[in-house]
Amino acid sequence: GKKNGKALALDTPIPTPDGFTAMGELRVGDTIFDERGKPCRVTFATEVQHKRDCYVVEFADGAKVVADAEHQWGVYRRNSHGQYVVTTTAKMLADFDLGKRGKNYAVDVAGA
């Protein structure tokens, strides 16, 4: 929900109509692109958060992002027959399968 501080690293690149900016530079009212590639406004920004459990999440293309344990992800879970679910970084870590190199989830590529 809103105002729950689902943190990403301050240097996480965020796409905007004017190019990329860093998560730590965002302010309420800024325009960014949503997961469908559509412009949307930032409606809330937390203060910088400290002492949170954070993890490096690596995608199949090698891209990496640092997210806190409670960051929410919209994903497709392996063997769930295409079911889209919202989960947290911590829950994905708990399901990590070393034998499959952790490939239990898929995140959609953002729209153009």
PDB file of N, CA and C in Angstrom:
ATOM      1  N   GLY A   1       0.808  -1.195   0.000  1.00  0.00           N
ATOM      2  CA  GLY A   1       0.000   0.000   0.000  1.00  0.00           C
ATOM      3  C   GLY A   1       0.847   1.252   0.000  1.00  0.00           C
ATOM      4  N   LYS A   2       0.191   2.372  -0.133  1.00  0.00           N
ATOM      5  CA  LYS A   2       0.897   3.648  -0.144  1.00  0.00           C
ATOM      6  C   LYS A   2       1.564   3.895   1.198  1.00  0.00           C
ATOM      7  N   LYS A   3       2.660   4.632   1.138  1.00  0.00           N
ATOM      8  CA  LYS A   3       3.379   5.105   2.317  1.00  0.00           C
ATOM      9  C   LYS A   3       3.947   3.986   3.185  1.00  0.00           C
ATOM     10  N   ASN A   4       4.221   2.828   2.571  1.00  0.00           N
ATOM     11  CA  ASN A   4       4.810   1.735   3.326  1.00  0.00           C
ATOM     12  C   ASN A   4       6.294   1.553   3.059  1.00  0.00           C
ATOM     13  N   GLY A   5       6.899   2.419   2.255  1.00  0.00           N
ATOM     14  CA  GLY A   5       8.343   2.420   2.092  1.00  0.00           C
ATOM     15  C   GLY A   5       8.922   1.170   1.471  1.00  0.00           C
ATOM     16  N   LYS A   6       8.418   0.780   0.322  1.00  0.00           N
ATOM     17  CA  LYS A   6       8.961  -0.371  -0.403  1.00  0.00           C
ATOM     18  C   LYS A   6      10.224   0.083  -1.128  1.00  0.00           C
ATOM     19  N   ALA A   7      11.321   0.073  -0.443  1.00  0.00           N
ATOM     20  CA  ALA A   7      12.522   0.782  -0.859  1.00  0.00           C
ATOM     21  C   ALA A   7      13.313   0.111  -1.986  1.00  0.00           C
ATOM     22  N   LEU A   8      13.863   0.965  -2.848  1.00  0.00           N
ATOM     23  CA  LEU A   8      14.879   0.619  -3.835  1.00  0.00           C
ATOM     24  C   LEU A   8      16.096   1.485  -3.547  1.00  0.00           C
ATOM     25  N   ALA A   9      17.257   1.058  -4.003  1.00  0.00           N
ATOM     26  CA  ALA A   9      18.476   1.840  -3.810  1.00  0.00           C
ATOM     27  C   ALA A   9      18.319   3.221  -4.434  1.00  0.00           C
ATOM     28  N   LEU A  10      18.931   4.225  -3.817  1.00  0.00           N
ATOM     29  CA  LEU A  10      18.812   5.609  -4.290  1.00  0.00           C
ATOM     30  C   LEU A  10      19.350   5.808  -5.701  1.00  0.00           C
ATOM     31  N   ASP A  11      20.287   4.951  -6.127  1.00  0.00           N
ATOM     32  CA  ASP A  11      20.862   5.101  -7.470  1.00  0.00           C
ATOM     33  C   ASP A  11      20.134   4.273  -8.530  1.00  0.00           C
ATOM     34  N   THR A  12      18.997   3.662  -8.179  1.00  0.00           N
ATOM     35  CA  THR A  12      18.224   2.884  -9.150  1.00  0.00           C
ATOM     36  C   THR A  12      17.760   3.796 -10.286  1.00  0.00           C
ATOM     37  N   PRO A  13      18.082   3.453 -11.548  1.00  0.00           N
ATOM     38  CA  PRO A  13      17.647   4.287 -12.666  1.00  0.00           C
ATOM     39  C   PRO A  13      16.133   4.185 -12.869  1.00  0.00           C
ATOM     40  N   ILE A  14      15.485   5.336 -13.014  1.00  0.00           N
ATOM     41  CA  ILE A  14      14.047   5.424 -13.213  1.00  0.00           C
ATOM     42  C   ILE A  14      13.786   6.142 -14.536  1.00  0.00           C
ATOM     43  N   PRO A  15      13.017   5.528 -15.448  1.00  0.00           N
ATOM     44  CA  PRO A  15      12.756   6.176 -16.745  1.00  0.00           C
ATOM     45  C   PRO A  15      11.739   7.310 -16.623  1.00  0.00           C
ATOM     46  N   THR A  16      12.043   8.411 -17.276  1.00  0.00           N
ATOM     47  CA  THR A  16      11.153   9.575 -17.321  1.00  0.00           C
ATOM     48  C   THR A  16      11.045  10.026 -18.778  1.00  0.00           C
ATOM     49  N   PRO A  17      10.085  10.878 -19.092  1.00  0.00           N
ATOM     50  CA  PRO A  17       9.989  11.394 -20.470  1.00  0.00           C
ATOM     51  C   PRO A  17      11.239  12.163 -20.908  1.00  0.00           C
ATOM     52  N   ASP A  18      12.034  12.636 -19.962  1.00  0.00           N
ATOM     53  CA  ASP A  18      13.247  13.404 -20.283  1.00  0.00           C
ATOM     54  C   ASP A  18      14.524  12.575 -20.171  1.00  0.00           C
ATOM     55  N   GLY A  19      14.413  11.264 -20.062  1.00  0.00           N
ATOM     56  CA  GLY A  19      15.572  10.393 -19.882  1.00  0.00           C
ATOM     57  C   GLY A  19      15.512   9.755 -18.506  1.00  0.00           C
ATOM     58  N   PHE A  20      16.600   9.156 -18.106  1.00  0.00           N
ATOM     59  CA  PHE A  20      16.629   8.487 -16.804  1.00  0.00           C
ATOM     60  C   PHE A  20      17.035   9.441 -15.693  1.00  0.00           C
ATOM     61  N   THR A  21      16.494   9.203 -14.517  1.00  0.00           N
ATOM     62  CA  THR A  21      16.923   9.879 -13.300  1.00  0.00           C
ATOM     63  C   THR A  21      17.127   8.799 -12.246  1.00  0.00           C
ATOM     64  N   ALA A  22      17.651   9.164 -11.122  1.00  0.00           N
ATOM     65  CA  ALA A  22      17.872   8.204 -10.043  1.00  0.00           C
ATOM     66  C   ALA A  22      16.701   8.225  -9.060  1.00  0.00           C
ATOM     67  N   MET A  23      16.413   7.094  -8.475  1.00  0.00           N
ATOM     68  CA  MET A  23      15.330   6.989  -7.489  1.00  0.00           C
ATOM     69  C   MET A  23      15.439   8.091  -6.438  1.00  0.00           C
ATOM     70  N   GLY A  24      16.633   8.358  -5.957  1.00  0.00           N
ATOM     71  CA  GLY A  24      16.844   9.355  -4.912  1.00  0.00           C
ATOM     72  C   GLY A  24      16.579  10.784  -5.346  1.00  0.00           C
ATOM     73  N   GLU A  25      16.446  11.017  -6.641  1.00  0.00           N
ATOM     74  CA  GLU A  25      16.169  12.355  -7.160  1.00  0.00           C
ATOM     75  C   GLU A  25      14.678  12.625  -7.351  1.00  0.00           C
ATOM     76  N   LEU A  26      13.844  11.588  -7.251  1.00  0.00           N
ATOM     77  CA  LEU A  26      12.417  11.757  -7.508  1.00  0.00           C
ATOM     78  C   LEU A  26      11.743  12.590  -6.432  1.00  0.00           C
ATOM     79  N   ARG A  27      10.783  13.399  -6.860  1.00  0.00           N
ATOM     80  CA  ARG A  27       9.987  14.229  -5.966  1.00  0.00           C
ATOM     81  C   ARG A  27       8.514  14.073  -6.320  1.00  0.00           C
ATOM     82  N   VAL A  28       7.642  14.306  -5.368  1.00  0.00           N
ATOM     83  CA  VAL A  28       6.205  14.274  -5.628  1.00  0.00           C
ATOM     84  C   VAL A  28       5.892  15.229  -6.773  1.00  0.00           C
ATOM     85  N   GLY A  29       5.107  14.762  -7.724  1.00  0.00           N
ATOM     86  CA  GLY A  29       4.745  15.568  -8.886  1.00  0.00           C
ATOM     87  C   GLY A  29       5.578  15.281 -10.117  1.00  0.00           C
ATOM     88  N   ASP A  30       6.749  14.644  -9.963  1.00  0.00           N
ATOM     89  CA  ASP A  30       7.571  14.282 -11.120  1.00  0.00           C
ATOM     90  C   ASP A  30       6.810  13.303 -12.010  1.00  0.00           C
ATOM     91  N   THR A  31       7.103  13.346 -13.298  1.00  0.00           N
ATOM     92  CA  THR A  31       6.514  12.396 -14.238  1.00  0.00           C
ATOM     93  C   THR A  31       7.537  11.309 -14.533  1.00  0.00           C
ATOM     94  N   ILE A  32       7.104  10.070 -14.392  1.00  0.00           N
ATOM     95  CA  ILE A  32       7.923   8.905 -14.707  1.00  0.00           C
ATOM     96  C   ILE A  32       7.086   7.985 -15.586  1.00  0.00           C
ATOM     97  N   PHE A  33       7.669   6.872 -16.026  1.00  0.00           N
ATOM     98  CA  PHE A  33       6.913   5.871 -16.776  1.00  0.00           C
ATOM     99  C   PHE A  33       6.537   4.725 -15.852  1.00  0.00           C
ATOM    100  N   ASP A  34       5.302   4.234 -16.002  1.00  0.00           N
ATOM    101  CA  ASP A  34       4.864   3.093 -15.203  1.00  0.00           C
ATOM    102  C   ASP A  34       5.272   1.790 -15.889  1.00  0.00           C
ATOM    103  N   GLU A  35       4.821   0.670 -15.342  1.00  0.00           N
ATOM    104  CA  GLU A  35       5.210  -0.640 -15.870  1.00  0.00           C
ATOM    105  C   GLU A  35       4.649  -0.912 -17.265  1.00  0.00           C
ATOM    106  N   ARG A  36       3.669  -0.137 -17.705  1.00  0.00           N
ATOM    107  CA  ARG A  36       3.115  -0.295 -19.052  1.00  0.00           C
ATOM    108  C   ARG A  36       3.770   0.659 -20.049  1.00  0.00           C
ATOM    109  N   GLY A  37       4.683   1.489 -19.563  1.00  0.00           N
ATOM    110  CA  GLY A  37       5.326   2.468 -20.430  1.00  0.00           C
ATOM    111  C   GLY A  37       4.535   3.750 -20.582  1.00  0.00           C
ATOM    112  N   LYS A  38       3.544   3.943 -19.733  1.00  0.00           N
ATOM    113  CA  LYS A  38       2.689   5.134 -19.777  1.00  0.00           C
ATOM    114  C   LYS A  38       3.163   6.155 -18.749  1.00  0.00           C
ATOM    115  N   PRO A  39       3.129   7.452 -19.089  1.00  0.00           N
ATOM    116  CA  PRO A  39       3.520   8.477 -18.117  1.00  0.00           C
ATOM    117  C   PRO A  39       2.578   8.466 -16.906  1.00  0.00           C
ATOM    118  N   CYS A  40       3.145   8.649 -15.747  1.00  0.00           N
ATOM    119  CA  CYS A  40       2.351   8.770 -14.518  1.00  0.00           C
ATOM    120  C   CYS A  40       3.092   9.713 -13.571  1.00  0.00           C
ATOM    121  N   ARG A  41       2.416  10.185 -12.572  1.00  0.00           N
ATOM    122  CA  ARG A  41       2.995  11.135 -11.614  1.00  0.00           C
ATOM    123  C   ARG A  41       3.398  10.424 -10.327  1.00  0.00           C
ATOM    124  N   VAL A  42       4.496  10.872  -9.763  1.00  0.00           N
ATOM    125  CA  VAL A  42       4.911  10.411  -8.443  1.00  0.00           C
ATOM    126  C   VAL A  42       3.962  11.060  -7.439  1.00  0.00           C
ATOM    127  N   THR A  43       3.290  10.247  -6.639  1.00  0.00           N
ATOM    128  CA  THR A  43       2.309  10.774  -5.685  1.00  0.00           C
ATOM    129  C   THR A  43       2.807  10.758  -4.250  1.00  0.00           C
ATOM    130  N   PHE A  44       3.906  10.054  -3.992  1.00  0.00           N
ATOM    131  CA  PHE A  44       4.432   9.982  -2.636  1.00  0.00           C
ATOM    132  C   PHE A  44       5.899   9.595  -2.703  1.00  0.00           C
ATOM    133  N   ALA A  45       6.696  10.148  -1.833  1.00  0.00           N
ATOM    134  CA  ALA A  45       8.110   9.778  -1.731  1.00  0.00           C
ATOM    135  C   ALA A  45       8.481   9.751  -0.254  1.00  0.00           C
ATOM    136  N   THR A  46       9.112   8.668   0.177  1.00  0.00           N
ATOM    137  CA  THR A  46       9.515   8.555   1.580  1.00  0.00           C
ATOM    138  C   THR A  46      10.845   9.255   1.805  1.00  0.00           C
ATOM    139  N   GLU A  47      11.144   9.497   3.049  1.00  0.00           N
ATOM    140  CA  GLU A  47      12.479   9.928   3.422  1.00  0.00           C
ATOM    141  C   GLU A  47      13.426   8.756   3.153  1.00  0.00           C
ATOM    142  N   VAL A  48      14.715   9.025   3.055  1.00  0.00           N
ATOM    143  CA  VAL A  48      15.685   7.947   2.894  1.00  0.00           C
ATOM    144  C   VAL A  48      15.567   7.025   4.100  1.00  0.00           C
ATOM    145  N   GLN A  49      15.517   5.741   3.820  1.00  0.00           N
ATOM    146  CA  GLN A  49      15.336   4.756   4.881  1.00  0.00           C
ATOM    147  C   GLN A  49      16.656   4.046   5.153  1.00  0.00           C
ATOM    148  N   HIS A  50      16.902   3.781   6.405  1.00  0.00           N
ATOM    149  CA  HIS A  50      18.150   3.149   6.829  1.00  0.00           C
ATOM    150  C   HIS A  50      17.850   1.857   7.575  1.00  0.00           C
ATOM    151  N   LYS A  51      18.875   1.039   7.712  1.00  0.00           N
ATOM    152  CA  LYS A  51      18.801  -0.204   8.497  1.00  0.00           C
ATOM    153  C   LYS A  51      17.673  -1.119   8.016  1.00  0.00           C
ATOM    154  N   ARG A  52      17.593  -1.284   6.696  1.00  0.00           N
ATOM    155  CA  ARG A  52      16.617  -2.199   6.108  1.00  0.00           C
ATOM    156  C   ARG A  52      17.376  -3.359   5.491  1.00  0.00           C
ATOM    157  N   ASP A  53      16.806  -4.551   5.555  1.00  0.00           N
ATOM    158  CA  ASP A  53      17.409  -5.694   4.883  1.00  0.00           C
ATOM    159  C   ASP A  53      17.245  -5.490   3.385  1.00  0.00           C
ATOM    160  N   CYS A  54      18.362  -5.481   2.658  1.00  0.00           N
ATOM    161  CA  CYS A  54      18.334  -5.251   1.213  1.00  0.00           C
ATOM    162  C   CYS A  54      19.040  -6.386   0.490  1.00  0.00           C
ATOM    163  N   TYR A  55      18.628  -6.603  -0.750  1.00  0.00           N
ATOM    164  CA  TYR A  55      19.156  -7.695  -1.559  1.00  0.00           C
ATOM    165  C   TYR A  55      19.396  -7.220  -2.979  1.00  0.00           C
ATOM    166  N   VAL A  56      20.377  -7.821  -3.635  1.00  0.00           N
ATOM    167  CA  VAL A  56      20.608  -7.575  -5.054  1.00  0.00           C
ATOM    168  C   VAL A  56      19.743  -8.567  -5.821  1.00  0.00           C
ATOM    169  N   VAL A  57      18.855  -8.049  -6.651  1.00  0.00           N
ATOM    170  CA  VAL A  57      17.998  -8.878  -7.489  1.00  0.00           C
ATOM    171  C   VAL A  57      18.576  -8.818  -8.895  1.00  0.00           C
ATOM    172  N   GLU A  58      18.923  -9.983  -9.447  1.00  0.00           N
ATOM    173  CA  GLU A  58      19.498 -10.034 -10.793  1.00  0.00           C
ATOM    174  C   GLU A  58      18.484 -10.626 -11.760  1.00  0.00           C
ATOM    175  N   PHE A  59      18.331  -9.957 -12.897  1.00  0.00           N
ATOM    176  CA  PHE A  59      17.407 -10.392 -13.928  1.00  0.00           C
ATOM    177  C   PHE A  59      18.128 -11.252 -14.960  1.00  0.00           C
ATOM    178  N   ALA A  60      17.386 -11.941 -15.792  1.00  0.00           N
ATOM    179  CA  ALA A  60      17.961 -12.862 -16.776  1.00  0.00           C
ATOM    180  C   ALA A  60      18.917 -12.168 -17.730  1.00  0.00           C
ATOM    181  N   ASP A  61      18.714 -10.874 -17.986  1.00  0.00           N
ATOM    182  CA  ASP A  61      19.599 -10.151 -18.909  1.00  0.00           C
ATOM    183  C   ASP A  61      20.854  -9.621 -18.229  1.00  0.00           C
ATOM    184  N   GLY A  62      21.015  -9.930 -16.931  1.00  0.00           N
ATOM    185  CA  GLY A  62      22.193  -9.482 -16.194  1.00  0.00           C
ATOM    186  C   GLY A  62      22.003  -8.176 -15.449  1.00  0.00           C
ATOM    187  N   ALA A  63      20.915  -7.455 -15.723  1.00  0.00           N
ATOM    188  CA  ALA A  63      20.638  -6.214 -14.998  1.00  0.00           C
ATOM    189  C   ALA A  63      20.405  -6.535 -13.525  1.00  0.00           C
ATOM    190  N   LYS A  64      20.804  -5.632 -12.661  1.00  0.00           N
ATOM    191  CA  LYS A  64      20.665  -5.829 -11.219  1.00  0.00           C
ATOM    192  C   LYS A  64      20.037  -4.594 -10.585  1.00  0.00           C
ATOM    193  N   VAL A  65      19.283  -4.829  -9.522  1.00  0.00           N
ATOM    194  CA  VAL A  65      18.701  -3.737  -8.751  1.00  0.00           C
ATOM    195  C   VAL A  65      18.782  -4.129  -7.278  1.00  0.00           C
ATOM    196  N   VAL A  66      19.014  -3.153  -6.420  1.00  0.00           N
ATOM    197  CA  VAL A  66      19.027  -3.392  -4.978  1.00  0.00           C
ATOM    198  C   VAL A  66      17.654  -2.992  -4.441  1.00  0.00           C
ATOM    199  N   ALA A  67      16.981  -3.970  -3.814  1.00  0.00           N
ATOM    200  CA  ALA A  67      15.634  -3.738  -3.282  1.00  0.00           C
ATOM    201  C   ALA A  67      15.586  -4.215  -1.838  1.00  0.00           C
ATOM    202  N   ASP A  68      14.766  -3.551  -1.035  1.00  0.00           N
ATOM    203  CA  ASP A  68      14.643  -4.015   0.344  1.00  0.00           C
ATOM    204  C   ASP A  68      13.742  -5.249   0.387  1.00  0.00           C
ATOM    205  N   ALA A  69      13.736  -5.904   1.536  1.00  0.00           N
ATOM    206  CA  ALA A  69      13.017  -7.172   1.700  1.00  0.00           C
ATOM    207  C   ALA A  69      11.530  -7.035   1.434  1.00  0.00           C
ATOM    208  N   GLU A  70      10.965  -5.873   1.696  1.00  0.00           N
ATOM    209  CA  GLU A  70       9.521  -5.675   1.552  1.00  0.00           C
ATOM    210  C   GLU A  70       9.115  -5.049   0.222  1.00  0.00           C
ATOM    211  N   HIS A  71      10.092  -4.810  -0.668  1.00  0.00           N
ATOM    212  CA  HIS A  71       9.740  -4.254  -1.979  1.00  0.00           C
ATOM    213  C   HIS A  71       8.798  -5.219  -2.686  1.00  0.00           C
ATOM    214  N   GLN A  72       7.735  -4.689  -3.275  1.00  0.00           N
ATOM    215  CA  GLN A  72       6.757  -5.535  -3.937  1.00  0.00           C
ATOM    216  C   GLN A  72       7.042  -5.641  -5.424  1.00  0.00           C
ATOM    217  N   TRP A  73       6.874  -6.853  -5.932  1.00  0.00           N
ATOM    218  CA  TRP A  73       7.115  -7.169  -7.330  1.00  0.00           C
ATOM    219  C   TRP A  73       5.876  -7.831  -7.913  1.00  0.00           C
ATOM    220  N   GLY A  74       5.449  -7.394  -9.070  1.00  0.00           N
ATOM    221  CA  GLY A  74       4.423  -8.103  -9.826  1.00  0.00           C
ATOM    222  C   GLY A  74       5.141  -9.123 -10.694  1.00  0.00           C
ATOM    223  N   VAL A  75       4.868 -10.397 -10.475  1.00  0.00           N
ATOM    224  CA  VAL A  75       5.626 -11.471 -11.122  1.00  0.00           C
ATOM    225  C   VAL A  75       4.713 -12.599 -11.591  1.00  0.00           C
ATOM    226  N   TYR A  76       5.274 -13.412 -12.451  1.00  0.00           N
ATOM    227  CA  TYR A  76       4.679 -14.696 -12.808  1.00  0.00           C
ATOM    228  C   TYR A  76       5.530 -15.753 -12.126  1.00  0.00           C
ATOM    229  N   ARG A  77       4.895 -16.619 -11.378  1.00  0.00           N
ATOM    230  CA  ARG A  77       5.617 -17.654 -10.636  1.00  0.00           C
ATOM    231  C   ARG A  77       5.719 -18.909 -11.490  1.00  0.00           C
ATOM    232  N   ARG A  78       6.912 -19.524 -11.458  1.00  0.00           N
ATOM    233  CA  ARG A  78       7.149 -20.776 -12.191  1.00  0.00           C
ATOM    234  C   ARG A  78       6.091 -21.810 -11.794  1.00  0.00           C
ATOM    235  N   ASN A  79       5.616 -22.529 -12.763  1.00  0.00           N
ATOM    236  CA  ASN A  79       4.641 -23.606 -12.552  1.00  0.00           C
ATOM    237  C   ASN A  79       3.323 -23.134 -11.955  1.00  0.00           C
ATOM    238  N   SER A  80       2.963 -21.866 -12.173  1.00  0.00           N
ATOM    239  CA  SER A  80       1.690 -21.373 -11.645  1.00  0.00           C
ATOM    240  C   SER A  80       0.678 -21.167 -12.776  1.00  0.00           C
ATOM    241  N   HIS A  81       0.965 -21.742 -13.953  1.00  0.00           N
ATOM    242  CA  HIS A  81       0.054 -21.674 -15.095  1.00  0.00           C
ATOM    243  C   HIS A  81      -0.248 -20.235 -15.500  1.00  0.00           C
ATOM    244  N   GLY A  82       0.787 -19.400 -15.507  1.00  0.00           N
ATOM    245  CA  GLY A  82       0.641 -18.024 -15.972  1.00  0.00           C
ATOM    246  C   GLY A  82      -0.016 -17.088 -14.983  1.00  0.00           C
ATOM    247  N   GLN A  83      -0.112 -17.513 -13.731  1.00  0.00           N
ATOM    248  CA  GLN A  83      -0.759 -16.667 -12.727  1.00  0.00           C
ATOM    249  C   GLN A  83       0.163 -15.517 -12.331  1.00  0.00           C
ATOM    250  N   TYR A  84      -0.389 -14.306 -12.399  1.00  0.00           N
ATOM    251  CA  TYR A  84       0.322 -13.097 -12.007  1.00  0.00           C
ATOM    252  C   TYR A  84       0.058 -12.859 -10.521  1.00  0.00           C
ATOM    253  N   VAL A  85       1.130 -12.672  -9.750  1.00  0.00           N
ATOM    254  CA  VAL A  85       0.992 -12.448  -8.310  1.00  0.00           C
ATOM    255  C   VAL A  85       1.870 -11.280  -7.895  1.00  0.00           C
ATOM    256  N   VAL A  86       1.565 -10.700  -6.761  1.00  0.00           N
ATOM    257  CA  VAL A  86       2.414  -9.682  -6.159  1.00  0.00           C
ATOM    258  C   VAL A  86       3.099 -10.331  -4.968  1.00  0.00           C
ATOM    259  N   THR A  87       4.422 -10.227  -4.940  1.00  0.00           N
ATOM    260  CA  THR A  87       5.201 -10.833  -3.870  1.00  0.00           C
ATOM    261  C   THR A  87       6.286  -9.855  -3.439  1.00  0.00           C
ATOM    262  N   THR A  88       7.029 -10.214  -2.420  1.00  0.00           N
ATOM    263  CA  THR A  88       8.101  -9.354  -1.927  1.00  0.00           C
ATOM    264  C   THR A  88       9.461  -9.961  -2.242  1.00  0.00           C
ATOM    265  N   THR A  89      10.481  -9.138  -2.145  1.00  0.00           N
ATOM    266  CA  THR A  89      11.844  -9.630  -2.321  1.00  0.00           C
ATOM    267  C   THR A  89      12.127 -10.758  -1.333  1.00  0.00           C
ATOM    268  N   ALA A  90      11.707 -10.598  -0.077  1.00  0.00           N
ATOM    269  CA  ALA A  90      11.951 -11.620   0.943  1.00  0.00           C
ATOM    270  C   ALA A  90      11.288 -12.942   0.583  1.00  0.00           C
ATOM    271  N   LYS A  91      10.066 -12.890   0.079  1.00  0.00           N
ATOM    272  CA  LYS A  91       9.378 -14.129  -0.296  1.00  0.00           C
ATOM    273  C   LYS A  91      10.058 -14.795  -1.488  1.00  0.00           C
ATOM    274  N   MET A  92      10.545 -13.988  -2.436  1.00  0.00           N
ATOM    275  CA  MET A  92      11.266 -14.578  -3.565  1.00  0.00           C
ATOM    276  C   MET A  92      12.544 -15.240  -3.088  1.00  0.00           C
ATOM    277  N   LEU A  93      13.235 -14.614  -2.151  1.00  0.00           N
ATOM    278  CA  LEU A  93      14.454 -15.202  -1.605  1.00  0.00           C
ATOM    279  C   LEU A  93      14.155 -16.525  -0.911  1.00  0.00           C
ATOM    280  N   ALA A  94      13.066 -16.590  -0.174  1.00  0.00           N
ATOM    281  CA  ALA A  94      12.699 -17.822   0.519  1.00  0.00           C
ATOM    282  C   ALA A  94      12.435 -18.953  -0.468  1.00  0.00           C
ATOM    283  N   ASP A  95      11.985 -18.619  -1.686  1.00  0.00           N
ATOM    284  CA  ASP A  95      11.712 -19.620  -2.721  1.00  0.00           C
ATOM    285  C   ASP A  95      12.914 -19.885  -3.623  1.00  0.00           C
ATOM    286  N   PHE A  96      14.025 -19.225  -3.364  1.00  0.00           N
ATOM    287  CA  PHE A  96      15.196 -19.336  -4.236  1.00  0.00           C
ATOM    288  C   PHE A  96      15.628 -20.785  -4.375  1.00  0.00           C
ATOM    289  N   ASP A  97      15.820 -21.229  -5.598  1.00  0.00           N
ATOM    290  CA  ASP A  97      16.223 -22.608  -5.887  1.00  0.00           C
ATOM    291  C   ASP A  97      17.607 -22.566  -6.514  1.00  0.00           C
ATOM    292  N   LEU A  98      18.621 -22.896  -5.728  1.00  0.00           N
ATOM    293  CA  LEU A  98      20.003 -22.819  -6.205  1.00  0.00           C
ATOM    294  C   LEU A  98      20.218 -23.707  -7.427  1.00  0.00           C
ATOM    295  N   GLY A  99      19.555 -24.844  -7.462  1.00  0.00           N
ATOM    296  CA  GLY A  99      19.704 -25.752  -8.597  1.00  0.00           C
ATOM    297  C   GLY A  99      19.212 -25.151  -9.904  1.00  0.00           C
ATOM    298  N   LYS A 100      18.224 -24.302  -9.824  1.00  0.00           N
ATOM    299  CA  LYS A 100      17.684 -23.637 -11.013  1.00  0.00           C
ATOM    300  C   LYS A 100      18.197 -22.214 -11.105  1.00  0.00           C
ATOM    301  N   ARG A 101      19.183 -21.885 -10.283  1.00  0.00           N
ATOM    302  CA  ARG A 101      19.762 -20.545 -10.213  1.00  0.00           C
ATOM    303  C   ARG A 101      18.705 -19.510  -9.887  1.00  0.00           C
ATOM    304  N   GLY A 102      17.666 -19.913  -9.113  1.00  0.00           N
ATOM    305  CA  GLY A 102      16.675 -18.978  -8.626  1.00  0.00           C
ATOM    306  C   GLY A 102      15.601 -18.595  -9.610  1.00  0.00           C
ATOM    307  N   LYS A 103      15.532 -19.262 -10.750  1.00  0.00           N
ATOM    308  CA  LYS A 103      14.595 -18.862 -11.805  1.00  0.00           C
ATOM    309  C   LYS A 103      13.184 -19.353 -11.508  1.00  0.00           C
ATOM    310  N   ASN A 104      12.633 -18.900 -10.406  1.00  0.00           N
ATOM    311  CA  ASN A 104      11.280 -19.276 -10.022  1.00  0.00           C
ATOM    312  C   ASN A 104      10.263 -18.212 -10.391  1.00  0.00           C
ATOM    313  N   TYR A 105      10.726 -17.037 -10.786  1.00  0.00           N
ATOM    314  CA  TYR A 105       9.826 -15.914 -11.061  1.00  0.00           C
ATOM    315  C   TYR A 105      10.207 -15.246 -12.372  1.00  0.00           C
ATOM    316  N   ALA A 106       9.204 -14.628 -12.998  1.00  0.00           N
ATOM    317  CA  ALA A 106       9.446 -13.822 -14.196  1.00  0.00           C
ATOM    318  C   ALA A 106       8.770 -12.480 -14.003  1.00  0.00           C
ATOM    319  N   VAL A 107       9.492 -11.425 -14.364  1.00  0.00           N
ATOM    320  CA  VAL A 107       8.963 -10.063 -14.296  1.00  0.00           C
ATOM    321  C   VAL A 107       8.765  -9.602 -15.726  1.00  0.00           C
ATOM    322  N   ASP A 108       7.585  -9.063 -16.023  1.00  0.00           N
ATOM    323  CA  ASP A 108       7.341  -8.552 -17.368  1.00  0.00           C
ATOM    324  C   ASP A 108       8.310  -7.442 -17.720  1.00  0.00           C
ATOM    325  N   VAL A 109       8.676  -7.361 -18.981  1.00  0.00           N
ATOM    326  CA  VAL A 109       9.439  -6.231 -19.485  1.00  0.00           C
ATOM    327  C   VAL A 109       8.476  -5.062 -19.583  1.00  0.00           C
ATOM    328  N   ALA A 110       8.898  -3.890 -19.148  1.00  0.00           N
ATOM    329  CA  ALA A 110       8.036  -2.705 -19.184  1.00  0.00           C
ATOM    330  C   ALA A 110       7.665  -2.348 -20.618  1.00  0.00           C
ATOM    331  N   GLY A 111       6.507  -1.765 -20.766  1.00  0.00           N
ATOM    332  CA  GLY A 111       6.056  -1.333 -22.088  1.00  0.00           C
ATOM    333  C   GLY A 111       6.957  -0.239 -22.655  1.00  0.00           C
ATOM    334  N   ALA A 112       6.915  -0.096 -23.961  1.00  0.00           N
ATOM    335  CA  ALA A 112       7.749   0.909 -24.634  1.00  0.00           C
ATOM    336  C   ALA A 112       7.206   2.298 -24.398  1.00  0.00           C
TER     337      ALA A 112
END
